[in-house]
Amino acid sequence: MSAVSSLVPARFLTLTAHLVIVILVTGMLVVALPVTMGLFAIELAGFFSGVSMFNCTQGLLSTAAHASASVALLFFLFEQWACEIYWWILAFCSVLPAFVEILLFIAVFGLKKKPL
């Protein structure tokens, strides 16, 4: 199994785990829910449309960011961290991969480059 083909399921699993944990956490953070769901929608649209599915850089960045977010949000839940920390987790673990996803959308659809 090549490195690219093993990144695809890992990316999907970490993205899904992060989404499930966010749904559990954001009951306390009403404002963060629409922002987070919008960022997830951007990433899932790029992933399922094939724009970034086999892009190694985005796959590795997304997998690392969402795995880190899943662990950080579990600590956030169980250790009852302050709500301000959620915004830092959101910035580093959701905004960054979504921003790269937007850049890939622009490259593929705007500049007509290949998805890889």
PDB file of N, CA and C in Angstrom:
ATOM      1  N   MET A   1       0.849  -1.172   0.000  1.00  0.00           N
ATOM      2  CA  MET A   1       0.000   0.000   0.000  1.00  0.00           C
ATOM      3  C   MET A   1       0.896   1.238   0.000  1.00  0.00           C
ATOM      4  N   SER A   2       0.675   2.131  -0.957  1.00  0.00           N
ATOM      5  CA  SER A   2       1.516   3.313  -1.063  1.00  0.00           C
ATOM      6  C   SER A   2       1.154   4.330   0.018  1.00  0.00           C
ATOM      7  N   ALA A   3       2.031   5.304   0.165  1.00  0.00           N
ATOM      8  CA  ALA A   3       1.819   6.320   1.195  1.00  0.00           C
ATOM      9  C   ALA A   3       0.576   7.154   0.914  1.00  0.00           C
ATOM     10  N   VAL A   4       0.334   7.446  -0.363  1.00  0.00           N
ATOM     11  CA  VAL A   4      -0.828   8.262  -0.721  1.00  0.00           C
ATOM     12  C   VAL A   4      -2.121   7.519  -0.418  1.00  0.00           C
ATOM     13  N   SER A   5      -2.180   6.246  -0.770  1.00  0.00           N
ATOM     14  CA  SER A   5      -3.417   5.500  -0.547  1.00  0.00           C
ATOM     15  C   SER A   5      -3.664   5.226   0.931  1.00  0.00           C
ATOM     16  N   SER A   6      -2.633   5.233   1.751  1.00  0.00           N
ATOM     17  CA  SER A   6      -2.858   5.050   3.184  1.00  0.00           C
ATOM     18  C   SER A   6      -3.219   6.365   3.875  1.00  0.00           C
ATOM     19  N   LEU A   7      -2.924   7.502   3.235  1.00  0.00           N
ATOM     20  CA  LEU A   7      -3.306   8.790   3.805  1.00  0.00           C
ATOM     21  C   LEU A   7      -4.801   9.052   3.673  1.00  0.00           C
ATOM     22  N   VAL A   8      -5.416   8.532   2.622  1.00  0.00           N
ATOM     23  CA  VAL A   8      -6.834   8.806   2.370  1.00  0.00           C
ATOM     24  C   VAL A   8      -7.719   8.283   3.501  1.00  0.00           C
ATOM     25  N   PRO A   9      -7.614   7.002   3.895  1.00  0.00           N
ATOM     26  CA  PRO A   9      -8.466   6.561   5.012  1.00  0.00           C
ATOM     27  C   PRO A   9      -8.092   7.206   6.345  1.00  0.00           C
ATOM     28  N   ALA A  10      -6.812   7.470   6.554  1.00  0.00           N
ATOM     29  CA  ALA A  10      -6.399   8.119   7.802  1.00  0.00           C
ATOM     30  C   ALA A  10      -6.968   9.528   7.882  1.00  0.00           C
ATOM     31  N   ARG A  11      -6.943  10.239   6.762  1.00  0.00           N
ATOM     32  CA  ARG A  11      -7.492  11.592   6.739  1.00  0.00           C
ATOM     33  C   ARG A  11      -8.997  11.559   6.998  1.00  0.00           C
ATOM     34  N   PHE A  12      -9.690  10.636   6.366  1.00  0.00           N
ATOM     35  CA  PHE A  12     -11.140  10.541   6.551  1.00  0.00           C
ATOM     36  C   PHE A  12     -11.486  10.211   8.003  1.00  0.00           C
ATOM     37  N   LEU A  13     -10.767   9.281   8.608  1.00  0.00           N
ATOM     38  CA  LEU A  13     -11.054   8.893   9.994  1.00  0.00           C
ATOM     39  C   LEU A  13     -10.777  10.019  10.981  1.00  0.00           C
ATOM     40  N   THR A  14      -9.658  10.734  10.801  1.00  0.00           N
ATOM     41  CA  THR A  14      -9.359  11.822  11.730  1.00  0.00           C
ATOM     42  C   THR A  14     -10.327  12.986  11.546  1.00  0.00           C
ATOM     43  N   LEU A  15     -10.714  13.258  10.303  1.00  0.00           N
ATOM     44  CA  LEU A  15     -11.691  14.316  10.046  1.00  0.00           C
ATOM     45  C   LEU A  15     -13.035  13.974  10.680  1.00  0.00           C
ATOM     46  N   THR A  16     -13.441  12.719  10.561  1.00  0.00           N
ATOM     47  CA  THR A  16     -14.705  12.278  11.154  1.00  0.00           C
ATOM     48  C   THR A  16     -14.642  12.296  12.684  1.00  0.00           C
ATOM     49  N   ALA A  17     -13.533  11.841  13.254  1.00  0.00           N
ATOM     50  CA  ALA A  17     -13.383  11.861  14.715  1.00  0.00           C
ATOM     51  C   ALA A  17     -13.431  13.287  15.244  1.00  0.00           C
ATOM     52  N   HIS A  18     -12.748  14.195  14.554  1.00  0.00           N
ATOM     53  CA  HIS A  18     -12.754  15.594  14.966  1.00  0.00           C
ATOM     54  C   HIS A  18     -14.170  16.158  14.886  1.00  0.00           C
ATOM     55  N   LEU A  19     -14.907  15.819  13.841  1.00  0.00           N
ATOM     56  CA  LEU A  19     -16.285  16.296  13.680  1.00  0.00           C
ATOM     57  C   LEU A  19     -17.181  15.806  14.817  1.00  0.00           C
ATOM     58  N   VAL A  20     -17.065  14.543  15.177  1.00  0.00           N
ATOM     59  CA  VAL A  20     -17.890  13.984  16.255  1.00  0.00           C
ATOM     60  C   VAL A  20     -17.580  14.663  17.584  1.00  0.00           C
ATOM     61  N   ILE A  21     -16.315  14.874  17.867  1.00  0.00           N
ATOM     62  CA  ILE A  21     -15.939  15.514  19.132  1.00  0.00           C
ATOM     63  C   ILE A  21     -16.401  16.966  19.158  1.00  0.00           C
ATOM     64  N   VAL A  22     -16.307  17.644  18.010  1.00  0.00           N
ATOM     65  CA  VAL A  22     -16.769  19.037  17.948  1.00  0.00           C
ATOM     66  C   VAL A  22     -18.263  19.127  18.223  1.00  0.00           C
ATOM     67  N   ILE A  23     -19.019  18.189  17.693  1.00  0.00           N
ATOM     68  CA  ILE A  23     -20.462  18.196  17.939  1.00  0.00           C
ATOM     69  C   ILE A  23     -20.747  18.020  19.433  1.00  0.00           C
ATOM     70  N   LEU A  24     -19.950  17.214  20.113  1.00  0.00           N
ATOM     71  CA  LEU A  24     -20.125  17.040  21.556  1.00  0.00           C
ATOM     72  C   LEU A  24     -19.734  18.290  22.336  1.00  0.00           C
ATOM     73  N   VAL A  25     -18.649  18.940  21.909  1.00  0.00           N
ATOM     74  CA  VAL A  25     -18.117  20.083  22.646  1.00  0.00           C
ATOM     75  C   VAL A  25     -18.954  21.333  22.445  1.00  0.00           C
ATOM     76  N   THR A  26     -19.417  21.564  21.230  1.00  0.00           N
ATOM     77  CA  THR A  26     -19.999  22.860  20.915  1.00  0.00           C
ATOM     78  C   THR A  26     -21.373  23.094  21.511  1.00  0.00           C
ATOM     79  N   GLY A  27     -21.880  22.174  22.289  1.00  0.00           N
ATOM     80  CA  GLY A  27     -23.082  22.478  23.041  1.00  0.00           C
ATOM     81  C   GLY A  27     -22.834  23.625  24.002  1.00  0.00           C
ATOM     82  N   MET A  28     -21.591  23.764  24.452  1.00  0.00           N
ATOM     83  CA  MET A  28     -21.221  24.838  25.359  1.00  0.00           C
ATOM     84  C   MET A  28     -20.834  26.110  24.613  1.00  0.00           C
ATOM     85  N   LEU A  29     -20.439  25.975  23.373  1.00  0.00           N
ATOM     86  CA  LEU A  29     -19.941  27.111  22.600  1.00  0.00           C
ATOM     87  C   LEU A  29     -20.841  27.337  21.390  1.00  0.00           C
ATOM     88  N   VAL A  30     -21.883  28.095  21.568  1.00  0.00           N
ATOM     89  CA  VAL A  30     -22.905  28.256  20.536  1.00  0.00           C
ATOM     90  C   VAL A  30     -22.355  28.979  19.308  1.00  0.00           C
ATOM     91  N   VAL A  31     -21.517  29.960  19.490  1.00  0.00           N
ATOM     92  CA  VAL A  31     -20.988  30.730  18.368  1.00  0.00           C
ATOM     93  C   VAL A  31     -20.002  29.905  17.550  1.00  0.00           C
ATOM     94  N   ALA A  32     -19.270  29.036  18.189  1.00  0.00           N
ATOM     95  CA  ALA A  32     -18.241  28.267  17.494  1.00  0.00           C
ATOM     96  C   ALA A  32     -18.820  27.190  16.582  1.00  0.00           C
ATOM     97  N   LEU A  33     -20.033  26.743  16.847  1.00  0.00           N
ATOM     98  CA  LEU A  33     -20.615  25.657  16.056  1.00  0.00           C
ATOM     99  C   LEU A  33     -20.772  26.013  14.580  1.00  0.00           C
ATOM    100  N   PRO A  34     -21.388  27.141  14.205  1.00  0.00           N
ATOM    101  CA  PRO A  34     -21.508  27.436  12.775  1.00  0.00           C
ATOM    102  C   PRO A  34     -20.163  27.654  12.091  1.00  0.00           C
ATOM    103  N   VAL A  35     -19.225  28.268  12.797  1.00  0.00           N
ATOM    104  CA  VAL A  35     -17.894  28.487  12.221  1.00  0.00           C
ATOM    105  C   VAL A  35     -17.218  27.152  11.950  1.00  0.00           C
ATOM    106  N   THR A  36     -17.236  26.281  12.924  1.00  0.00           N
ATOM    107  CA  THR A  36     -16.602  24.976  12.785  1.00  0.00           C
ATOM    108  C   THR A  36     -17.277  24.137  11.715  1.00  0.00           C
ATOM    109  N   MET A  37     -18.591  24.140  11.674  1.00  0.00           N
ATOM    110  CA  MET A  37     -19.312  23.359  10.662  1.00  0.00           C
ATOM    111  C   MET A  37     -19.039  23.888   9.257  1.00  0.00           C
ATOM    112  N   GLY A  38     -18.906  25.202   9.123  1.00  0.00           N
ATOM    113  CA  GLY A  38     -18.552  25.773   7.822  1.00  0.00           C
ATOM    114  C   GLY A  38     -17.179  25.328   7.359  1.00  0.00           C
ATOM    115  N   LEU A  39     -16.223  25.300   8.282  1.00  0.00           N
ATOM    116  CA  LEU A  39     -14.873  24.842   7.934  1.00  0.00           C
ATOM    117  C   LEU A  39     -14.870  23.357   7.586  1.00  0.00           C
ATOM    118  N   PHE A  40     -15.658  22.566   8.314  1.00  0.00           N
ATOM    119  CA  PHE A  40     -15.782  21.147   7.977  1.00  0.00           C
ATOM    120  C   PHE A  40     -16.415  20.970   6.604  1.00  0.00           C
ATOM    121  N   ALA A  41     -17.409  21.786   6.286  1.00  0.00           N
ATOM    122  CA  ALA A  41     -18.066  21.690   4.979  1.00  0.00           C
ATOM    123  C   ALA A  41     -17.084  21.979   3.852  1.00  0.00           C
ATOM    124  N   ILE A  42     -16.220  22.973   4.046  1.00  0.00           N
ATOM    125  CA  ILE A  42     -15.206  23.289   3.036  1.00  0.00           C
ATOM    126  C   ILE A  42     -14.273  22.105   2.843  1.00  0.00           C
ATOM    127  N   GLU A  43     -13.787  21.550   3.945  1.00  0.00           N
ATOM    128  CA  GLU A  43     -12.850  20.427   3.832  1.00  0.00           C
ATOM    129  C   GLU A  43     -13.495  19.184   3.250  1.00  0.00           C
ATOM    130  N   LEU A  44     -14.700  18.873   3.688  1.00  0.00           N
ATOM    131  CA  LEU A  44     -15.373  17.684   3.158  1.00  0.00           C
ATOM    132  C   LEU A  44     -15.737  17.856   1.688  1.00  0.00           C
ATOM    133  N   ALA A  45     -16.087  19.072   1.275  1.00  0.00           N
ATOM    134  CA  ALA A  45     -16.384  19.324  -0.141  1.00  0.00           C
ATOM    135  C   ALA A  45     -15.143  19.090  -0.995  1.00  0.00           C
ATOM    136  N   GLY A  46     -14.011  19.571  -0.534  1.00  0.00           N
ATOM    137  CA  GLY A  46     -12.770  19.343  -1.274  1.00  0.00           C
ATOM    138  C   GLY A  46     -12.360  17.886  -1.281  1.00  0.00           C
ATOM    139  N   PHE A  47     -12.579  17.222  -0.166  1.00  0.00           N
ATOM    140  CA  PHE A  47     -12.201  15.812  -0.062  1.00  0.00           C
ATOM    141  C   PHE A  47     -13.076  14.944  -0.952  1.00  0.00           C
ATOM    142  N   PHE A  48     -14.400  15.106  -0.850  1.00  0.00           N
ATOM    143  CA  PHE A  48     -15.310  14.250  -1.611  1.00  0.00           C
ATOM    144  C   PHE A  48     -15.373  14.612  -3.089  1.00  0.00           C
ATOM    145  N   SER A  49     -15.054  15.858  -3.449  1.00  0.00           N
ATOM    146  CA  SER A  49     -15.051  16.231  -4.865  1.00  0.00           C
ATOM    147  C   SER A  49     -13.793  15.741  -5.574  1.00  0.00           C
ATOM    148  N   GLY A  50     -12.800  15.328  -4.818  1.00  0.00           N
ATOM    149  CA  GLY A  50     -11.571  14.826  -5.417  1.00  0.00           C
ATOM    150  C   GLY A  50     -10.510  15.886  -5.607  1.00  0.00           C
ATOM    151  N   VAL A  51     -10.812  17.124  -5.236  1.00  0.00           N
ATOM    152  CA  VAL A  51      -9.843  18.203  -5.404  1.00  0.00           C
ATOM    153  C   VAL A  51      -8.592  17.930  -4.580  1.00  0.00           C
ATOM    154  N   SER A  52      -8.765  17.458  -3.363  1.00  0.00           N
ATOM    155  CA  SER A  52      -7.607  17.248  -2.495  1.00  0.00           C
ATOM    156  C   SER A  52      -7.493  15.824  -1.970  1.00  0.00           C
ATOM    157  N   MET A  53      -8.280  14.911  -2.511  1.00  0.00           N
ATOM    158  CA  MET A  53      -8.287  13.554  -1.959  1.00  0.00           C
ATOM    159  C   MET A  53      -6.915  12.885  -2.055  1.00  0.00           C
ATOM    160  N   PHE A  54      -6.229  13.063  -3.166  1.00  0.00           N
ATOM    161  CA  PHE A  54      -4.939  12.403  -3.350  1.00  0.00           C
ATOM    162  C   PHE A  54      -3.770  13.383  -3.303  1.00  0.00           C
ATOM    163  N   ASN A  55      -3.992  14.556  -2.756  1.00  0.00           N
ATOM    164  CA  ASN A  55      -2.926  15.530  -2.573  1.00  0.00           C
ATOM    165  C   ASN A  55      -2.201  15.190  -1.272  1.00  0.00           C
ATOM    166  N   CYS A  56      -0.936  14.807  -1.387  1.00  0.00           N
ATOM    167  CA  CYS A  56      -0.181  14.336  -0.214  1.00  0.00           C
ATOM    168  C   CYS A  56      -0.018  15.425   0.845  1.00  0.00           C
ATOM    169  N   THR A  57       0.276  16.638   0.411  1.00  0.00           N
ATOM    170  CA  THR A  57       0.498  17.723   1.362  1.00  0.00           C
ATOM    171  C   THR A  57      -0.765  18.023   2.160  1.00  0.00           C
ATOM    172  N   GLN A  58      -1.880  18.170   1.464  1.00  0.00           N
ATOM    173  CA  GLN A  58      -3.141  18.448   2.154  1.00  0.00           C
ATOM    174  C   GLN A  58      -3.568  17.257   3.001  1.00  0.00           C
ATOM    175  N   GLY A  59      -3.345  16.055   2.503  1.00  0.00           N
ATOM    176  CA  GLY A  59      -3.704  14.867   3.270  1.00  0.00           C
ATOM    177  C   GLY A  59      -2.942  14.776   4.576  1.00  0.00           C
ATOM    178  N   LEU A  60      -1.642  15.036   4.508  1.00  0.00           N
ATOM    179  CA  LEU A  60      -0.817  14.977   5.713  1.00  0.00           C
ATOM    180  C   LEU A  60      -1.159  16.113   6.676  1.00  0.00           C
ATOM    181  N   LEU A  61      -1.336  17.324   6.140  1.00  0.00           N
ATOM    182  CA  LEU A  61      -1.701  18.462   6.983  1.00  0.00           C
ATOM    183  C   LEU A  61      -3.050  18.239   7.657  1.00  0.00           C
ATOM    184  N   SER A  62      -4.021  17.786   6.886  1.00  0.00           N
ATOM    185  CA  SER A  62      -5.361  17.567   7.424  1.00  0.00           C
ATOM    186  C   SER A  62      -5.367  16.450   8.464  1.00  0.00           C
ATOM    187  N   THR A  63      -4.672  15.364   8.174  1.00  0.00           N
ATOM    188  CA  THR A  63      -4.606  14.248   9.121  1.00  0.00           C
ATOM    189  C   THR A  63      -3.950  14.678  10.431  1.00  0.00           C
ATOM    190  N   ALA A  64      -2.825  15.375  10.331  1.00  0.00           N
ATOM    191  CA  ALA A  64      -2.128  15.826  11.538  1.00  0.00           C
ATOM    192  C   ALA A  64      -2.965  16.835  12.322  1.00  0.00           C
ATOM    193  N   ALA A  65      -3.585  17.770  11.611  1.00  0.00           N
ATOM    194  CA  ALA A  65      -4.375  18.802  12.291  1.00  0.00           C
ATOM    195  C   ALA A  65      -5.595  18.207  12.983  1.00  0.00           C
ATOM    196  N   HIS A  66      -6.300  17.318  12.303  1.00  0.00           N
ATOM    197  CA  HIS A  66      -7.521  16.773  12.897  1.00  0.00           C
ATOM    198  C   HIS A  66      -7.230  15.729  13.974  1.00  0.00           C
ATOM    199  N   ALA A  67      -6.134  15.012  13.843  1.00  0.00           N
ATOM    200  CA  ALA A  67      -5.741  14.102  14.925  1.00  0.00           C
ATOM    201  C   ALA A  67      -5.357  14.908  16.165  1.00  0.00           C
ATOM    202  N   SER A  68      -4.595  15.987  15.955  1.00  0.00           N
ATOM    203  CA  SER A  68      -4.230  16.860  17.076  1.00  0.00           C
ATOM    204  C   SER A  68      -5.461  17.496  17.701  1.00  0.00           C
ATOM    205  N   ALA A  69      -6.388  17.917  16.858  1.00  0.00           N
ATOM    206  CA  ALA A  69      -7.619  18.528  17.369  1.00  0.00           C
ATOM    207  C   ALA A  69      -8.446  17.526  18.160  1.00  0.00           C
ATOM    208  N   SER A  70      -8.500  16.299  17.686  1.00  0.00           N
ATOM    209  CA  SER A  70      -9.265  15.280  18.408  1.00  0.00           C
ATOM    210  C   SER A  70      -8.697  15.058  19.804  1.00  0.00           C
ATOM    211  N   VAL A  71      -7.381  14.955  19.892  1.00  0.00           N
ATOM    212  CA  VAL A  71      -6.740  14.762  21.197  1.00  0.00           C
ATOM    213  C   VAL A  71      -6.934  15.999  22.075  1.00  0.00           C
ATOM    214  N   ALA A  72      -6.713  17.184  21.495  1.00  0.00           N
ATOM    215  CA  ALA A  72      -6.857  18.419  22.274  1.00  0.00           C
ATOM    216  C   ALA A  72      -8.293  18.613  22.757  1.00  0.00           C
ATOM    217  N   LEU A  73      -9.263  18.290  21.912  1.00  0.00           N
ATOM    218  CA  LEU A  73     -10.660  18.457  22.317  1.00  0.00           C
ATOM    219  C   LEU A  73     -11.086  17.430  23.363  1.00  0.00           C
ATOM    220  N   LEU A  74     -10.485  16.255  23.327  1.00  0.00           N
ATOM    221  CA  LEU A  74     -10.763  15.295  24.398  1.00  0.00           C
ATOM    222  C   LEU A  74     -10.242  15.814  25.733  1.00  0.00           C
ATOM    223  N   PHE A  75      -9.036  16.398  25.718  1.00  0.00           N
ATOM    224  CA  PHE A  75      -8.534  17.033  26.936  1.00  0.00           C
ATOM    225  C   PHE A  75      -9.429  18.202  27.339  1.00  0.00           C
ATOM    226  N   PHE A  76      -9.888  18.967  26.348  1.00  0.00           N
ATOM    227  CA  PHE A  76     -10.790  20.089  26.603  1.00  0.00           C
ATOM    228  C   PHE A  76     -12.052  19.624  27.327  1.00  0.00           C
ATOM    229  N   LEU A  77     -12.583  18.492  26.898  1.00  0.00           N
ATOM    230  CA  LEU A  77     -13.791  17.946  27.525  1.00  0.00           C
ATOM    231  C   LEU A  77     -13.529  17.393  28.917  1.00  0.00           C
ATOM    232  N   PHE A  78     -12.529  16.520  29.015  1.00  0.00           N
ATOM    233  CA  PHE A  78     -12.322  15.796  30.265  1.00  0.00           C
ATOM    234  C   PHE A  78     -11.639  16.630  31.344  1.00  0.00           C
ATOM    235  N   GLU A  79     -10.758  17.532  30.944  1.00  0.00           N
ATOM    236  CA  GLU A  79     -10.058  18.367  31.921  1.00  0.00           C
ATOM    237  C   GLU A  79     -10.786  19.678  32.186  1.00  0.00           C
ATOM    238  N   GLN A  80     -11.867  19.928  31.455  1.00  0.00           N
ATOM    239  CA  GLN A  80     -12.683  21.133  31.587  1.00  0.00           C
ATOM    240  C   GLN A  80     -11.848  22.404  31.464  1.00  0.00           C
ATOM    241  N   TRP A  81     -11.155  22.497  30.320  1.00  0.00           N
ATOM    242  CA  TRP A  81     -10.360  23.686  30.036  1.00  0.00           C
ATOM    243  C   TRP A  81     -11.272  24.880  29.824  1.00  0.00           C
ATOM    244  N   ALA A  82     -10.709  26.073  29.894  1.00  0.00           N
ATOM    245  CA  ALA A  82     -11.469  27.309  29.666  1.00  0.00           C
ATOM    246  C   ALA A  82     -11.934  27.378  28.210  1.00  0.00           C
ATOM    247  N   CYS A  83     -13.057  28.032  27.989  1.00  0.00           N
ATOM    248  CA  CYS A  83     -13.646  28.102  26.648  1.00  0.00           C
ATOM    249  C   CYS A  83     -12.768  28.849  25.652  1.00  0.00           C
ATOM    250  N   GLU A  84     -11.911  29.747  26.126  1.00  0.00           N
ATOM    251  CA  GLU A  84     -11.032  30.488  25.218  1.00  0.00           C
ATOM    252  C   GLU A  84     -10.048  29.564  24.506  1.00  0.00           C
ATOM    253  N   ILE A  85      -9.708  28.464  25.117  1.00  0.00           N
ATOM    254  CA  ILE A  85      -8.757  27.530  24.510  1.00  0.00           C
ATOM    255  C   ILE A  85      -9.348  26.885  23.265  1.00  0.00           C
ATOM    256  N   TYR A  86     -10.674  26.741  23.234  1.00  0.00           N
ATOM    257  CA  TYR A  86     -11.311  26.153  22.054  1.00  0.00           C
ATOM    258  C   TYR A  86     -11.001  26.960  20.803  1.00  0.00           C
ATOM    259  N   TRP A  87     -10.951  28.286  20.932  1.00  0.00           N
ATOM    260  CA  TRP A  87     -10.696  29.132  19.767  1.00  0.00           C
ATOM    261  C   TRP A  87      -9.279  28.928  19.245  1.00  0.00           C
ATOM    262  N   TRP A  88      -8.326  28.649  20.117  1.00  0.00           N
ATOM    263  CA  TRP A  88      -6.962  28.346  19.672  1.00  0.00           C
ATOM    264  C   TRP A  88      -6.925  27.004  18.943  1.00  0.00           C
ATOM    265  N   ILE A  89      -7.636  26.037  19.484  1.00  0.00           N
ATOM    266  CA  ILE A  89      -7.712  24.733  18.816  1.00  0.00           C
ATOM    267  C   ILE A  89      -8.370  24.888  17.452  1.00  0.00           C
ATOM    268  N   LEU A  90      -9.426  25.674  17.379  1.00  0.00           N
ATOM    269  CA  LEU A  90     -10.113  25.927  16.116  1.00  0.00           C
ATOM    270  C   LEU A  90      -9.178  26.586  15.107  1.00  0.00           C
ATOM    271  N   ALA A  91      -8.426  27.577  15.547  1.00  0.00           N
ATOM    272  CA  ALA A  91      -7.544  28.307  14.631  1.00  0.00           C
ATOM    273  C   ALA A  91      -6.460  27.415  14.043  1.00  0.00           C
ATOM    274  N   PHE A  92      -5.813  26.633  14.880  1.00  0.00           N
ATOM    275  CA  PHE A  92      -4.695  25.832  14.390  1.00  0.00           C
ATOM    276  C   PHE A  92      -5.126  24.528  13.734  1.00  0.00           C
ATOM    277  N   CYS A  93      -6.234  23.969  14.165  1.00  0.00           N
ATOM    278  CA  CYS A  93      -6.595  22.627  13.705  1.00  0.00           C
ATOM    279  C   CYS A  93      -7.759  22.589  12.724  1.00  0.00           C
ATOM    280  N   SER A  94      -8.470  23.678  12.534  1.00  0.00           N
ATOM    281  CA  SER A  94      -9.568  23.688  11.566  1.00  0.00           C
ATOM    282  C   SER A  94      -9.399  24.772  10.508  1.00  0.00           C
ATOM    283  N   VAL A  95      -9.009  25.968  10.928  1.00  0.00           N
ATOM    284  CA  VAL A  95      -8.869  27.064   9.969  1.00  0.00           C
ATOM    285  C   VAL A  95      -7.707  26.806   9.020  1.00  0.00           C
ATOM    286  N   LEU A  96      -6.594  26.340   9.538  1.00  0.00           N
ATOM    287  CA  LEU A  96      -5.417  26.108   8.690  1.00  0.00           C
ATOM    288  C   LEU A  96      -5.678  25.091   7.579  1.00  0.00           C
ATOM    289  N   PRO A  97      -6.203  23.887   7.855  1.00  0.00           N
ATOM    290  CA  PRO A  97      -6.479  22.962   6.755  1.00  0.00           C
ATOM    291  C   PRO A  97      -7.577  23.461   5.813  1.00  0.00           C
ATOM    292  N   ALA A  98      -8.567  24.178   6.341  1.00  0.00           N
ATOM    293  CA  ALA A  98      -9.628  24.711   5.474  1.00  0.00           C
ATOM    294  C   ALA A  98      -9.077  25.795   4.553  1.00  0.00           C
ATOM    295  N   PHE A  99      -8.153  26.604   5.047  1.00  0.00           N
ATOM    296  CA  PHE A  99      -7.525  27.633   4.218  1.00  0.00           C
ATOM    297  C   PHE A  99      -6.733  27.002   3.075  1.00  0.00           C
ATOM    298  N   VAL A 100      -5.979  25.954   3.370  1.00  0.00           N
ATOM    299  CA  VAL A 100      -5.231  25.251   2.318  1.00  0.00           C
ATOM    300  C   VAL A 100      -6.201  24.609   1.328  1.00  0.00           C
ATOM    301  N   GLU A 101      -7.316  24.115   1.817  1.00  0.00           N
ATOM    302  CA  GLU A 101      -8.347  23.531   0.946  1.00  0.00           C
ATOM    303  C   GLU A 101      -8.913  24.588  -0.003  1.00  0.00           C
ATOM    304  N   ILE A 102      -9.145  25.789   0.503  1.00  0.00           N
ATOM    305  CA  ILE A 102      -9.627  26.885  -0.345  1.00  0.00           C
ATOM    306  C   ILE A 102      -8.591  27.220  -1.408  1.00  0.00           C
ATOM    307  N   LEU A 103      -7.315  27.231  -1.028  1.00  0.00           N
ATOM    308  CA  LEU A 103      -6.256  27.475  -2.015  1.00  0.00           C
ATOM    309  C   LEU A 103      -6.247  26.395  -3.094  1.00  0.00           C
ATOM    310  N   LEU A 104      -6.491  25.150  -2.708  1.00  0.00           N
ATOM    311  CA  LEU A 104      -6.561  24.069  -3.691  1.00  0.00           C
ATOM    312  C   LEU A 104      -7.776  24.223  -4.599  1.00  0.00           C
ATOM    313  N   PHE A 105      -8.909  24.656  -4.051  1.00  0.00           N
ATOM    314  CA  PHE A 105     -10.086  24.937  -4.877  1.00  0.00           C
ATOM    315  C   PHE A 105      -9.767  26.005  -5.919  1.00  0.00           C
ATOM    316  N   ILE A 106      -9.094  27.069  -5.484  1.00  0.00           N
ATOM    317  CA  ILE A 106      -8.729  28.148  -6.403  1.00  0.00           C
ATOM    318  C   ILE A 106      -7.781  27.637  -7.470  1.00  0.00           C
ATOM    319  N   ALA A 107      -6.801  26.817  -7.072  1.00  0.00           N
ATOM    320  CA  ALA A 107      -5.843  26.285  -8.041  1.00  0.00           C
ATOM    321  C   ALA A 107      -6.515  25.377  -9.057  1.00  0.00           C
ATOM    322  N   VAL A 108      -7.429  24.532  -8.605  1.00  0.00           N
ATOM    323  CA  VAL A 108      -8.056  23.556  -9.505  1.00  0.00           C
ATOM    324  C   VAL A 108      -9.129  24.201 -10.369  1.00  0.00           C
ATOM    325  N   PHE A 109     -10.037  24.942  -9.758  1.00  0.00           N
ATOM    326  CA  PHE A 109     -11.169  25.483 -10.514  1.00  0.00           C
ATOM    327  C   PHE A 109     -10.875  26.852 -11.124  1.00  0.00           C
ATOM    328  N   GLY A 110     -10.076  27.668 -10.454  1.00  0.00           N
ATOM    329  CA  GLY A 110      -9.775  28.998 -10.974  1.00  0.00           C
ATOM    330  C   GLY A 110      -8.628  29.009 -11.956  1.00  0.00           C
ATOM    331  N   LEU A 111      -7.552  28.320 -11.613  1.00  0.00           N
ATOM    332  CA  LEU A 111      -6.360  28.304 -12.460  1.00  0.00           C
ATOM    333  C   LEU A 111      -6.283  27.084 -13.364  1.00  0.00           C
ATOM    334  N   LYS A 112      -7.259  26.186 -13.256  1.00  0.00           N
ATOM    335  CA  LYS A 112      -7.370  24.979 -14.090  1.00  0.00           C
ATOM    336  C   LYS A 112      -6.145  24.073 -13.986  1.00  0.00           C
ATOM    337  N   LYS A 113      -5.627  23.926 -12.776  1.00  0.00           N
ATOM    338  CA  LYS A 113      -4.515  23.003 -12.554  1.00  0.00           C
ATOM    339  C   LYS A 113      -5.063  21.636 -12.198  1.00  0.00           C
ATOM    340  N   LYS A 114      -4.228  20.612 -12.348  1.00  0.00           N
ATOM    341  CA  LYS A 114      -4.649  19.260 -11.984  1.00  0.00           C
ATOM    342  C   LYS A 114      -4.797  19.161 -10.467  1.00  0.00           C
ATOM    343  N   PRO A 115      -5.719  18.308  -9.984  1.00  0.00           N
ATOM    344  CA  PRO A 115      -5.931  18.189  -8.535  1.00  0.00           C
ATOM    345  C   PRO A 115      -4.703  17.730  -7.765  1.00  0.00           C
ATOM    346  N   LEU A 116      -3.807  17.000  -8.365  1.00  0.00           N
ATOM    347  CA  LEU A 116      -2.623  16.547  -7.641  1.00  0.00           C
ATOM    348  C   LEU A 116      -1.681  17.685  -7.600  1.00  0.00           C
TER     349      LEU A 116
END
